[in-house]
Protein backbone atom coordinates (compact mmCIF):
# COMPACT_ATOMS: atom_id res chain seq x y z
CA MET A 1 -11.10 -91.21 7.18
CA ALA A 2 -14.48 -90.37 5.96
CA TYR A 3 -15.79 -87.20 7.30
CA SER A 4 -18.38 -89.62 8.74
CA THR A 5 -15.82 -90.85 10.93
CA PRO A 6 -14.99 -87.92 13.33
CA VAL A 7 -18.46 -87.07 13.17
CA ASP A 8 -19.35 -89.94 14.94
CA ARG A 9 -15.98 -90.48 17.15
CA LEU A 10 -16.19 -87.31 18.39
CA HIS A 11 -20.25 -86.87 18.35
CA LEU A 12 -20.06 -83.24 16.58
CA ASP A 13 -23.05 -82.57 14.17
CA ARG A 14 -21.49 -81.75 10.41
CA LYS A 15 -21.74 -78.49 11.01
CA ARG A 16 -19.76 -77.97 13.85
CA LEU A 17 -16.79 -79.91 12.31
CA ARG A 18 -17.21 -77.82 9.61
CA GLY A 19 -16.91 -74.68 10.95
CA ALA A 20 -13.93 -76.32 13.06
CA LEU A 21 -12.14 -77.34 10.19
CA SER A 22 -12.86 -74.07 8.64
CA GLY A 23 -11.16 -72.35 11.77
CA PHE A 24 -8.03 -74.43 11.14
CA SER A 25 -7.76 -73.40 7.62
CA ARG A 26 -8.48 -69.52 8.50
CA VAL A 27 -5.46 -70.21 10.90
CA LEU A 28 -3.18 -72.05 8.51
CA LYS A 29 -3.52 -69.60 6.02
CA ALA A 30 -3.12 -66.23 8.36
CA HIS A 31 0.05 -67.76 9.07
CA TYR A 32 1.57 -70.16 5.70
CA ASP A 33 1.59 -70.93 2.53
CA ARG A 34 -0.68 -72.65 1.21
CA SER A 35 1.42 -75.73 0.28
CA PHE A 36 1.96 -76.16 4.13
CA TRP A 37 -1.56 -77.58 4.83
CA PRO A 38 -1.31 -80.73 6.60
CA MET A 39 -3.82 -82.87 5.01
CA TRP A 40 -5.90 -83.88 1.26
CA TRP A 41 -8.69 -85.37 0.79
CA THR A 42 -10.74 -87.33 -2.19
CA GLU A 43 -14.31 -87.71 -3.09
CA ALA A 44 -15.77 -90.87 -2.66
CA VAL A 45 -18.89 -92.97 -2.34
CA SER A 46 -20.20 -92.04 1.29
CA VAL A 47 -20.95 -95.15 3.80
CA GLU A 48 -23.50 -93.31 5.26
CA GLU A 49 -27.00 -93.72 4.29
CA GLY A 50 -28.55 -91.22 2.15
CA ARG A 51 -25.63 -89.61 1.25
CA ALA A 52 -24.21 -90.08 -2.41
CA THR A 53 -20.51 -89.04 -2.03
CA GLU A 54 -18.53 -87.42 1.03
CA PHE A 55 -15.11 -86.20 1.50
CA SER A 56 -12.29 -87.97 3.16
CA TYR A 57 -9.12 -86.44 4.78
CA TYR A 58 -5.49 -88.69 4.98
CA VAL A 59 -2.63 -86.89 6.17
CA GLY A 60 1.28 -88.64 6.28
CA ASP A 61 2.79 -90.40 8.78
CA THR A 62 5.20 -87.69 9.81
CA VAL A 63 1.63 -85.18 10.16
CA ALA A 64 0.03 -87.76 12.45
CA LYS A 65 3.34 -89.03 14.27
CA ARG A 66 3.79 -85.02 15.05
CA TRP A 67 -0.23 -84.72 16.35
CA ARG A 68 -0.26 -87.66 18.17
CA GLU A 69 2.93 -86.29 19.88
CA ALA A 70 1.39 -82.85 20.25
CA ARG A 71 -1.68 -84.67 22.09
CA ALA A 72 0.37 -86.35 24.50
CA GLU A 73 1.68 -83.93 25.38
CA GLY A 74 -1.55 -81.79 26.39
């Protein structure tokens, strides 16, 4: 998903989302080796007017399933 998608859907500005992802990264690095990062990214042409490029983030099916299950548990 393009970076602009969660910005729009969660009604966050880019700085808040960047802060949330940064905090998530710090928690993972504190407890796990870098190889456990649950998503990967690519830089591509932006769909957002005024931006040349943006990052898109991806998770595999297993990680997506686990996140949905965790969210359902509340």
